[in-house]
Amino acid sequence: MSAIPSEFSNVTAITKANVYFDGKVVSHTIAFADGAKKTLGLIYPGSFHFGTDKAERMEIVSGSCEVRLDGHEASATFQGGTFFEVPAQSGFDISVTEGICEYICSFID
């Protein structure tokens, strides 16, 4: 497993934030020269559900969260330095109980 990146070079940062759940989840999109996009975000305490069009890889930069993928009964805890993947046309529940969970979301083709 490769390390979770601490920075990205040669990207375009989109200044308009993606704001969800009354500001409890906020991210910014970065675009790469090859057309790939990622979002860098923060999740404040609470429980949220996200749907996916494309498959996603969620890398946890810091903090922790509990995740349950759609169609699964069990949930798992992810901490800084770990990741989970979500299938396309699916979704997941994510909960943060304390602090802030920082993440990188990569859209998988």
C-alpha atoms as a PDB file:
ATOM      1  CA  MET A   1       0.000   0.000   0.000  1.00  0.00           C
ATOM      2  CA  SER A   2       1.348   3.411  -0.898  1.00  0.00           C
ATOM      3  CA  ALA A   3       1.462   6.232   1.621  1.00  0.00           C
ATOM      4  CA  ILE A   4      -1.308   8.789   1.664  1.00  0.00           C
ATOM      5  CA  PRO A   5      -0.029  11.920  -0.108  1.00  0.00           C
ATOM      6  CA  SER A   6       0.813  15.004   1.929  1.00  0.00           C
ATOM      7  CA  GLU A   7       0.771  17.319  -1.105  1.00  0.00           C
ATOM      8  CA  PHE A   8      -0.026  17.452  -4.808  1.00  0.00           C
ATOM      9  CA  SER A   9       2.062  19.317  -7.393  1.00  0.00           C
ATOM     10  CA  ASN A  10       0.988  20.878 -10.683  1.00  0.00           C
ATOM     11  CA  VAL A  11      -2.752  20.909 -10.052  1.00  0.00           C
ATOM     12  CA  THR A  12      -5.522  23.431 -10.486  1.00  0.00           C
ATOM     13  CA  ALA A  13      -7.477  24.157  -7.307  1.00  0.00           C
ATOM     14  CA  ILE A  14     -11.144  25.041  -7.718  1.00  0.00           C
ATOM     15  CA  THR A  15     -11.844  27.859  -5.271  1.00  0.00           C
ATOM     16  CA  LYS A  16     -15.593  27.291  -4.931  1.00  0.00           C
ATOM     17  CA  ALA A  17     -16.124  24.851  -2.042  1.00  0.00           C
ATOM     18  CA  ASN A  18     -18.382  21.806  -2.145  1.00  0.00           C
ATOM     19  CA  VAL A  19     -20.513  22.282   0.979  1.00  0.00           C
ATOM     20  CA  TYR A  20     -22.776  19.504   2.292  1.00  0.00           C
ATOM     21  CA  PHE A  21     -24.972  19.006   5.349  1.00  0.00           C
ATOM     22  CA  ASP A  22     -25.112  22.666   6.421  1.00  0.00           C
ATOM     23  CA  GLY A  23     -21.318  23.000   6.313  1.00  0.00           C
ATOM     24  CA  LYS A  24     -20.523  19.862   8.314  1.00  0.00           C
ATOM     25  CA  VAL A  25     -18.757  18.374   5.275  1.00  0.00           C
ATOM     26  CA  VAL A  26     -16.690  20.705   3.096  1.00  0.00           C
ATOM     27  CA  SER A  27     -14.280  19.919   0.262  1.00  0.00           C
ATOM     28  CA  HIS A  28     -12.391  21.552  -2.578  1.00  0.00           C
ATOM     29  CA  THR A  29     -11.754  19.962  -5.962  1.00  0.00           C
ATOM     30  CA  ILE A  30      -8.301  19.740  -7.479  1.00  0.00           C
ATOM     31  CA  ALA A  31      -7.797  18.949 -11.161  1.00  0.00           C
ATOM     32  CA  PHE A  32      -4.744  17.261 -12.646  1.00  0.00           C
ATOM     33  CA  ALA A  33      -3.266  17.871 -16.106  1.00  0.00           C
ATOM     34  CA  ASP A  34      -4.433  14.413 -17.257  1.00  0.00           C
ATOM     35  CA  GLY A  35      -8.061  15.292 -16.432  1.00  0.00           C
ATOM     36  CA  ALA A  36      -8.216  13.347 -13.152  1.00  0.00           C
ATOM     37  CA  LYS A  37      -9.946  15.022 -10.213  1.00  0.00           C
ATOM     38  CA  LYS A  38      -9.803  14.589  -6.460  1.00  0.00           C
ATOM     39  CA  THR A  39     -11.464  16.360  -3.586  1.00  0.00           C
ATOM     40  CA  LEU A  40      -9.746  17.370  -0.357  1.00  0.00           C
ATOM     41  CA  GLY A  41     -12.131  17.748   2.523  1.00  0.00           C
ATOM     42  CA  LEU A  42     -13.124  17.955   6.151  1.00  0.00           C
ATOM     43  CA  ILE A  43     -15.901  16.106   7.961  1.00  0.00           C
ATOM     44  CA  TYR A  44     -17.060  17.563  11.266  1.00  0.00           C
ATOM     45  CA  PRO A  45     -18.805  15.441  13.926  1.00  0.00           C
ATOM     46  CA  GLY A  46     -22.075  13.897  12.760  1.00  0.00           C
ATOM     47  CA  SER A  47     -23.469  11.079  10.643  1.00  0.00           C
ATOM     48  CA  PHE A  48     -23.906  11.489   6.893  1.00  0.00           C
ATOM     49  CA  HIS A  49     -24.840   9.442   3.825  1.00  0.00           C
ATOM     50  CA  PHE A  50     -23.219   9.920   0.416  1.00  0.00           C
ATOM     51  CA  GLY A  51     -24.186   8.368  -2.904  1.00  0.00           C
ATOM     52  CA  THR A  52     -21.621   7.632  -5.600  1.00  0.00           C
ATOM     53  CA  ASP A  53     -21.807   7.833  -9.378  1.00  0.00           C
ATOM     54  CA  LYS A  54     -18.202   6.762  -9.960  1.00  0.00           C
ATOM     55  CA  ALA A  55     -16.216   4.408  -7.749  1.00  0.00           C
ATOM     56  CA  GLU A  56     -14.289   6.296  -5.057  1.00  0.00           C
ATOM     57  CA  ARG A  57     -11.242   5.769  -2.892  1.00  0.00           C
ATOM     58  CA  MET A  58     -11.456   7.671   0.390  1.00  0.00           C
ATOM     59  CA  GLU A  59      -8.061   8.176   2.015  1.00  0.00           C
ATOM     60  CA  ILE A  60      -8.190   9.370   5.610  1.00  0.00           C
ATOM     61  CA  VAL A  61      -5.459  11.974   6.153  1.00  0.00           C
ATOM     62  CA  SER A  62      -6.136  12.549   9.860  1.00  0.00           C
ATOM     63  CA  GLY A  63      -8.818  11.934  12.434  1.00  0.00           C
ATOM     64  CA  SER A  64     -11.096   8.924  12.328  1.00  0.00           C
ATOM     65  CA  CYS A  65     -14.483   7.868  11.038  1.00  0.00           C
ATOM     66  CA  GLU A  66     -16.812   4.903  11.047  1.00  0.00           C
ATOM     67  CA  VAL A  67     -18.048   3.748   7.630  1.00  0.00           C
ATOM     68  CA  ARG A  68     -20.783   1.395   6.473  1.00  0.00           C
ATOM     69  CA  LEU A  69     -21.001   0.684   2.749  1.00  0.00           C
ATOM     70  CA  ASP A  70     -24.466   0.390   1.191  1.00  0.00           C
ATOM     71  CA  GLY A  71     -25.581  -3.231   1.142  1.00  0.00           C
ATOM     72  CA  HIS A  72     -23.382  -4.213   4.100  1.00  0.00           C
ATOM     73  CA  GLU A  73     -24.508  -4.621   7.690  1.00  0.00           C
ATOM     74  CA  ALA A  74     -21.094  -4.255   9.328  1.00  0.00           C
ATOM     75  CA  SER A  75     -19.252  -0.994   9.693  1.00  0.00           C
ATOM     76  CA  ALA A  76     -15.518  -0.393  10.061  1.00  0.00           C
ATOM     77  CA  THR A  77     -13.402   2.321  11.643  1.00  0.00           C
ATOM     78  CA  PHE A  78     -10.778   4.134   9.567  1.00  0.00           C
ATOM     79  CA  GLN A  79      -8.053   6.350  10.996  1.00  0.00           C
ATOM     80  CA  GLY A  80      -5.432   8.640   9.496  1.00  0.00           C
ATOM     81  CA  GLY A  81      -3.224   6.689   7.100  1.00  0.00           C
ATOM     82  CA  THR A  82      -5.944   4.234   6.011  1.00  0.00           C
ATOM     83  CA  PHE A  83      -8.479   4.162   3.180  1.00  0.00           C
ATOM     84  CA  PHE A  84     -11.672   2.533   1.967  1.00  0.00           C
ATOM     85  CA  GLU A  85     -13.187   2.123  -1.476  1.00  0.00           C
ATOM     86  CA  VAL A  86     -16.796   2.569  -2.538  1.00  0.00           C
ATOM     87  CA  PRO A  87     -18.234   0.945  -5.683  1.00  0.00           C
ATOM     88  CA  ALA A  88     -19.814   3.035  -8.445  1.00  0.00           C
ATOM     89  CA  GLN A  89     -23.580   3.572  -8.291  1.00  0.00           C
ATOM     90  CA  SER A  90     -23.533   2.874  -4.555  1.00  0.00           C
ATOM     91  CA  GLY A  91     -23.058   4.834  -1.377  1.00  0.00           C
ATOM     92  CA  PHE A  92     -21.899   4.851   2.207  1.00  0.00           C
ATOM     93  CA  ASP A  93     -22.730   6.116   5.678  1.00  0.00           C
ATOM     94  CA  ILE A  94     -19.903   7.926   7.432  1.00  0.00           C
ATOM     95  CA  SER A  95     -19.820   9.059  11.071  1.00  0.00           C
ATOM     96  CA  VAL A  96     -17.334  11.215  12.932  1.00  0.00           C
ATOM     97  CA  THR A  97     -17.758  11.248  16.707  1.00  0.00           C
ATOM     98  CA  GLU A  98     -15.041  13.701  17.718  1.00  0.00           C
ATOM     99  CA  GLY A  99     -12.596  16.117  16.172  1.00  0.00           C
ATOM    100  CA  ILE A 100     -12.363  16.577  12.417  1.00  0.00           C
ATOM    101  CA  CYS A 101     -11.768  13.854   9.849  1.00  0.00           C
ATOM    102  CA  GLU A 102      -9.640  15.046   6.906  1.00  0.00           C
ATOM    103  CA  TYR A 103      -9.812  13.107   3.645  1.00  0.00           C
ATOM    104  CA  ILE A 104      -8.757  12.815   0.017  1.00  0.00           C
ATOM    105  CA  CYS A 105     -11.420  11.432  -2.318  1.00  0.00           C
ATOM    106  CA  SER A 106     -10.159   9.979  -5.590  1.00  0.00           C
ATOM    107  CA  PHE A 107     -12.592   9.141  -8.355  1.00  0.00           C
ATOM    108  CA  ILE A 108     -11.736   5.724  -9.790  1.00  0.00           C
ATOM    109  CA  ASP A 109     -12.469   5.031 -13.472  1.00  0.00           C
END
